[in-house]
Amino acid sequence: MKTIKHWFLKSTEGVAAAMLAAMFLIFVLQIFSRHILEAPLGWTLEALLTLWVWMIFWGNSFVVRHREQVTFDVFYLAVGPRVRKVFALVTAAAIVIGMGATLLPTWDYIDFLKIKDSATLRIPMRTVFSIYGVFIVAVVIYYIIRFVRIWRHGAPEDRAKQHVGDI
């Protein structure tokens, strides 16, 4: 199981890296065509924006870890382990419920976008924004797993070991 998880995480990091590399190459092409050839390419801006949207949601779905997110944990660190567990459970449940409640309406709208194509690339807008549906599903699954782990093993202690006054 650890091998599958490791392979999956490395693969998702590779996809994110490939998107970043594609963005860089398209950006260089855009600069070259605009300033050297004096013939700007219209599709490069749209490709960059589409890759940016995909990279943000892909990365936050699969690459960025929970401990790497910005958190406001002053109250969390100020309480004991039992209250910390309650805080963590409530937070995980709220995220699952909130994101889960938005899944079907969001997917309905994303599916509606199949009638529109992007301006220059002629990609269905459903394809462009479908990554947000993937993001919602990934977040819901992650926080369901996190809820179960907290329920069984208690709140994570990685940040709780820090002192409240430490920076």
C-alpha atoms as a PDB file:
ATOM      1  CA  MET A   1       0.000   0.000   0.000  1.00  0.00           C
ATOM      2  CA  LYS A   2       2.850   2.408   0.787  1.00  0.00           C
ATOM      3  CA  THR A   3       4.354   1.721  -2.632  1.00  0.00           C
ATOM      4  CA  ILE A   4       1.080   2.637  -4.354  1.00  0.00           C
ATOM      5  CA  LYS A   5       0.763   5.809  -2.255  1.00  0.00           C
ATOM      6  CA  HIS A   6       4.382   6.771  -2.958  1.00  0.00           C
ATOM      7  CA  TRP A   7       3.953   6.116  -6.697  1.00  0.00           C
ATOM      8  CA  PHE A   8       0.700   8.133  -6.758  1.00  0.00           C
ATOM      9  CA  LEU A   9       2.233  11.103  -4.931  1.00  0.00           C
ATOM     10  CA  LYS A  10       5.323  11.128  -7.153  1.00  0.00           C
ATOM     11  CA  SER A  11       3.149  10.878 -10.267  1.00  0.00           C
ATOM     12  CA  THR A  12       0.968  13.804  -9.210  1.00  0.00           C
ATOM     13  CA  GLU A  13       4.081  15.857  -8.463  1.00  0.00           C
ATOM     14  CA  GLY A  14       5.360  14.949 -11.933  1.00  0.00           C
ATOM     15  CA  VAL A  15       2.139  16.141 -13.555  1.00  0.00           C
ATOM     16  CA  ALA A  16       2.371  19.435 -11.643  1.00  0.00           C
ATOM     17  CA  ALA A  17       6.003  19.824 -12.686  1.00  0.00           C
ATOM     18  CA  ALA A  18       5.076  19.112 -16.318  1.00  0.00           C
ATOM     19  CA  MET A  19       2.361  21.770 -16.196  1.00  0.00           C
ATOM     20  CA  LEU A  20       4.836  24.268 -14.740  1.00  0.00           C
ATOM     21  CA  ALA A  21       7.383  23.403 -17.440  1.00  0.00           C
ATOM     22  CA  ALA A  22       4.721  23.802 -20.135  1.00  0.00           C
ATOM     23  CA  MET A  23       3.795  27.185 -18.694  1.00  0.00           C
ATOM     24  CA  PHE A  24       7.426  28.282 -18.801  1.00  0.00           C
ATOM     25  CA  LEU A  25       7.904  27.136 -22.403  1.00  0.00           C
ATOM     26  CA  ILE A  26       4.690  28.798 -23.555  1.00  0.00           C
ATOM     27  CA  PHE A  27       5.696  31.987 -21.748  1.00  0.00           C
ATOM     28  CA  VAL A  28       9.104  32.004 -23.482  1.00  0.00           C
ATOM     29  CA  LEU A  29       7.389  31.337 -26.824  1.00  0.00           C
ATOM     30  CA  GLN A  30       5.019  34.211 -26.148  1.00  0.00           C
ATOM     31  CA  ILE A  31       7.902  36.607 -25.423  1.00  0.00           C
ATOM     32  CA  PHE A  32       9.859  35.392 -28.459  1.00  0.00           C
ATOM     33  CA  SER A  33       6.924  35.731 -30.853  1.00  0.00           C
ATOM     34  CA  ARG A  34       5.899  39.122 -29.510  1.00  0.00           C
ATOM     35  CA  HIS A  35       9.274  40.837 -29.170  1.00  0.00           C
ATOM     36  CA  ILE A  36      11.533  39.055 -31.647  1.00  0.00           C
ATOM     37  CA  LEU A  37       9.139  38.054 -34.430  1.00  0.00           C
ATOM     38  CA  GLU A  38       6.775  40.969 -33.705  1.00  0.00           C
ATOM     39  CA  ALA A  39       3.870  38.609 -34.323  1.00  0.00           C
ATOM     40  CA  PRO A  40       2.163  37.791 -31.025  1.00  0.00           C
ATOM     41  CA  LEU A  41       0.399  34.458 -30.713  1.00  0.00           C
ATOM     42  CA  GLY A  42      -3.103  34.791 -29.293  1.00  0.00           C
ATOM     43  CA  TRP A  43      -3.436  31.281 -27.968  1.00  0.00           C
ATOM     44  CA  THR A  44      -0.471  31.553 -25.588  1.00  0.00           C
ATOM     45  CA  LEU A  45      -2.284  33.733 -23.053  1.00  0.00           C
ATOM     46  CA  GLU A  46      -5.258  31.384 -22.958  1.00  0.00           C
ATOM     47  CA  ALA A  47      -3.004  28.349 -22.643  1.00  0.00           C
ATOM     48  CA  LEU A  48      -1.120  29.970 -19.760  1.00  0.00           C
ATOM     49  CA  LEU A  49      -4.330  30.868 -17.937  1.00  0.00           C
ATOM     50  CA  THR A  50      -5.773  27.389 -18.422  1.00  0.00           C
ATOM     51  CA  LEU A  51      -2.573  25.735 -17.218  1.00  0.00           C
ATOM     52  CA  TRP A  52      -2.485  28.097 -14.238  1.00  0.00           C
ATOM     53  CA  VAL A  53      -6.016  27.104 -13.192  1.00  0.00           C
ATOM     54  CA  TRP A  54      -5.168  23.435 -13.619  1.00  0.00           C
ATOM     55  CA  MET A  55      -1.873  23.737 -11.764  1.00  0.00           C
ATOM     56  CA  ILE A  56      -3.461  25.500  -8.770  1.00  0.00           C
ATOM     57  CA  PHE A  57      -6.283  22.998  -8.330  1.00  0.00           C
ATOM     58  CA  TRP A  58      -4.183  19.953  -9.248  1.00  0.00           C
ATOM     59  CA  GLY A  59      -1.502  20.986  -6.802  1.00  0.00           C
ATOM     60  CA  ASN A  60      -3.975  21.630  -3.999  1.00  0.00           C
ATOM     61  CA  SER A  61      -5.749  18.363  -4.744  1.00  0.00           C
ATOM     62  CA  PHE A  62      -2.728  16.079  -4.738  1.00  0.00           C
ATOM     63  CA  VAL A  63       0.615  17.787  -4.103  1.00  0.00           C
ATOM     64  CA  VAL A  64       0.281  20.314  -1.259  1.00  0.00           C
ATOM     65  CA  ARG A  65       0.099  18.540   2.115  1.00  0.00           C
ATOM     66  CA  HIS A  66      -2.205  19.585   4.938  1.00  0.00           C
ATOM     67  CA  ARG A  67       0.740  20.624   7.126  1.00  0.00           C
ATOM     68  CA  GLU A  68       1.931  22.965   4.330  1.00  0.00           C
ATOM     69  CA  GLN A  69      -1.315  24.953   4.327  1.00  0.00           C
ATOM     70  CA  VAL A  70      -1.544  28.292   6.091  1.00  0.00           C
ATOM     71  CA  THR A  71      -3.389  27.829   9.373  1.00  0.00           C
ATOM     72  CA  PHE A  72      -4.593  30.097  12.150  1.00  0.00           C
ATOM     73  CA  ASP A  73      -3.968  27.827  15.095  1.00  0.00           C
ATOM     74  CA  VAL A  74      -3.656  30.154  18.084  1.00  0.00           C
ATOM     75  CA  PHE A  75      -6.702  28.651  19.820  1.00  0.00           C
ATOM     76  CA  TYR A  76      -5.795  25.145  18.694  1.00  0.00           C
ATOM     77  CA  LEU A  77      -2.365  25.365  20.291  1.00  0.00           C
ATOM     78  CA  ALA A  78      -3.708  26.973  23.454  1.00  0.00           C
ATOM     79  CA  VAL A  79      -5.959  24.035  24.423  1.00  0.00           C
ATOM     80  CA  GLY A  80      -5.312  20.512  25.605  1.00  0.00           C
ATOM     81  CA  PRO A  81      -5.309  17.310  23.545  1.00  0.00           C
ATOM     82  CA  ARG A  82      -9.005  16.495  24.065  1.00  0.00           C
ATOM     83  CA  VAL A  83     -10.231  19.899  22.921  1.00  0.00           C
ATOM     84  CA  ARG A  84      -7.696  19.812  20.100  1.00  0.00           C
ATOM     85  CA  LYS A  85      -9.240  16.531  18.953  1.00  0.00           C
ATOM     86  CA  VAL A  86     -12.715  18.098  18.998  1.00  0.00           C
ATOM     87  CA  PHE A  87     -11.436  21.116  17.040  1.00  0.00           C
ATOM     88  CA  ALA A  88      -9.799  18.858  14.451  1.00  0.00           C
ATOM     89  CA  LEU A  89     -12.906  16.648  14.124  1.00  0.00           C
ATOM     90  CA  VAL A  90     -15.258  19.614  13.759  1.00  0.00           C
ATOM     91  CA  THR A  91     -12.977  21.219  11.186  1.00  0.00           C
ATOM     92  CA  ALA A  92     -12.656  18.022   9.118  1.00  0.00           C
ATOM     93  CA  ALA A  93     -16.416  17.393   9.294  1.00  0.00           C
ATOM     94  CA  ALA A  94     -17.220  20.991   8.306  1.00  0.00           C
ATOM     95  CA  ILE A  95     -14.928  20.772   5.285  1.00  0.00           C
ATOM     96  CA  VAL A  96     -16.441  17.438   4.196  1.00  0.00           C
ATOM     97  CA  ILE A  97     -19.994  18.738   4.600  1.00  0.00           C
ATOM     98  CA  GLY A  98     -19.311  22.123   3.019  1.00  0.00           C
ATOM     99  CA  MET A  99     -17.345  20.863   0.041  1.00  0.00           C
ATOM    100  CA  GLY A 100     -19.613  17.832  -0.353  1.00  0.00           C
ATOM    101  CA  ALA A 101     -22.676  20.071  -0.475  1.00  0.00           C
ATOM    102  CA  THR A 102     -21.168  22.066  -3.329  1.00  0.00           C
ATOM    103  CA  LEU A 103     -20.153  19.056  -5.422  1.00  0.00           C
ATOM    104  CA  LEU A 104     -23.374  18.388  -7.347  1.00  0.00           C
ATOM    105  CA  PRO A 105     -24.302  22.038  -8.053  1.00  0.00           C
ATOM    106  CA  THR A 106     -20.719  22.740  -9.090  1.00  0.00           C
ATOM    107  CA  TRP A 107     -20.549  19.708 -11.338  1.00  0.00           C
ATOM    108  CA  ASP A 108     -23.919  20.656 -12.848  1.00  0.00           C
ATOM    109  CA  TYR A 109     -22.504  24.056 -13.800  1.00  0.00           C
ATOM    110  CA  ILE A 110     -19.236  22.584 -15.069  1.00  0.00           C
ATOM    111  CA  ASP A 111     -21.244  20.166 -17.221  1.00  0.00           C
ATOM    112  CA  PHE A 112     -23.328  23.086 -18.514  1.00  0.00           C
ATOM    113  CA  LEU A 113     -20.116  24.693 -19.763  1.00  0.00           C
ATOM    114  CA  LYS A 114     -19.807  22.002 -22.459  1.00  0.00           C
ATOM    115  CA  ILE A 115     -21.793  24.308 -24.731  1.00  0.00           C
ATOM    116  CA  LYS A 116     -18.983  26.901 -24.706  1.00  0.00           C
ATOM    117  CA  ASP A 117     -15.490  26.609 -26.125  1.00  0.00           C
ATOM    118  CA  SER A 118     -12.443  28.613 -25.177  1.00  0.00           C
ATOM    119  CA  ALA A 119     -11.715  31.552 -27.445  1.00  0.00           C
ATOM    120  CA  THR A 120      -8.523  30.490 -29.213  1.00  0.00           C
ATOM    121  CA  LEU A 121      -7.798  26.896 -28.213  1.00  0.00           C
ATOM    122  CA  ARG A 122     -11.325  25.646 -28.946  1.00  0.00           C
ATOM    123  CA  ILE A 123     -11.294  23.489 -25.788  1.00  0.00           C
ATOM    124  CA  PRO A 124     -14.710  22.968 -24.177  1.00  0.00           C
ATOM    125  CA  MET A 125     -14.961  25.138 -21.063  1.00  0.00           C
ATOM    126  CA  ARG A 126     -16.171  22.015 -19.248  1.00  0.00           C
ATOM    127  CA  THR A 127     -12.699  20.561 -19.770  1.00  0.00           C
ATOM    128  CA  VAL A 128     -11.013  23.750 -18.584  1.00  0.00           C
ATOM    129  CA  PHE A 129     -12.971  23.904 -15.318  1.00  0.00           C
ATOM    130  CA  SER A 130     -13.419  20.170 -14.677  1.00  0.00           C
ATOM    131  CA  ILE A 131     -10.310  20.268 -12.491  1.00  0.00           C
ATOM    132  CA  TYR A 132     -12.365  22.090  -9.868  1.00  0.00           C
ATOM    133  CA  GLY A 133     -14.663  19.060  -9.612  1.00  0.00           C
ATOM    134  CA  VAL A 134     -11.595  16.858  -9.165  1.00  0.00           C
ATOM    135  CA  PHE A 135     -10.410  19.255  -6.463  1.00  0.00           C
ATOM    136  CA  ILE A 136     -13.693  19.016  -4.551  1.00  0.00           C
ATOM    137  CA  VAL A 137     -13.690  15.198  -4.676  1.00  0.00           C
ATOM    138  CA  ALA A 138     -10.042  15.020  -3.588  1.00  0.00           C
ATOM    139  CA  VAL A 139     -10.616  17.390  -0.662  1.00  0.00           C
ATOM    140  CA  VAL A 140     -13.701  15.491   0.504  1.00  0.00           C
ATOM    141  CA  ILE A 141     -11.890  12.136   0.361  1.00  0.00           C
ATOM    142  CA  TYR A 142      -8.825  13.548   2.125  1.00  0.00           C
ATOM    143  CA  TYR A 143     -10.846  15.037   4.976  1.00  0.00           C
ATOM    144  CA  ILE A 144     -12.957  11.900   5.401  1.00  0.00           C
ATOM    145  CA  ILE A 145      -9.729   9.946   5.852  1.00  0.00           C
ATOM    146  CA  ARG A 146      -8.391  12.665   8.152  1.00  0.00           C
ATOM    147  CA  PHE A 147     -11.586  12.569  10.255  1.00  0.00           C
ATOM    148  CA  VAL A 148     -11.297   8.797  10.690  1.00  0.00           C
ATOM    149  CA  ARG A 149      -7.608   9.050  11.645  1.00  0.00           C
ATOM    150  CA  ILE A 150      -8.308  11.799  14.183  1.00  0.00           C
ATOM    151  CA  TRP A 151     -11.227   9.815  15.606  1.00  0.00           C
ATOM    152  CA  ARG A 152      -9.034   6.731  16.046  1.00  0.00           C
ATOM    153  CA  HIS A 153      -5.678   8.269  16.986  1.00  0.00           C
ATOM    154  CA  GLY A 154      -6.362  11.787  18.248  1.00  0.00           C
ATOM    155  CA  ALA A 155      -5.435  15.160  16.871  1.00  0.00           C
ATOM    156  CA  PRO A 156      -2.166  15.503  14.994  1.00  0.00           C
ATOM    157  CA  GLU A 157       0.620  16.637  17.270  1.00  0.00           C
ATOM    158  CA  ASP A 158       3.036  18.037  14.691  1.00  0.00           C
ATOM    159  CA  ARG A 159       2.017  21.672  15.273  1.00  0.00           C
ATOM    160  CA  ALA A 160       0.811  21.183  18.821  1.00  0.00           C
ATOM    161  CA  LYS A 161       4.378  20.555  20.029  1.00  0.00           C
ATOM    162  CA  GLN A 162       5.315  24.110  19.123  1.00  0.00           C
ATOM    163  CA  HIS A 163       5.013  26.752  21.815  1.00  0.00           C
ATOM    164  CA  VAL A 164       2.352  29.384  21.284  1.00  0.00           C
ATOM    165  CA  GLY A 165       4.906  32.204  21.468  1.00  0.00           C
ATOM    166  CA  ASP A 166       7.356  30.637  19.017  1.00  0.00           C
ATOM    167  CA  ILE A 167       7.537  31.925  15.490  1.00  0.00           C
END
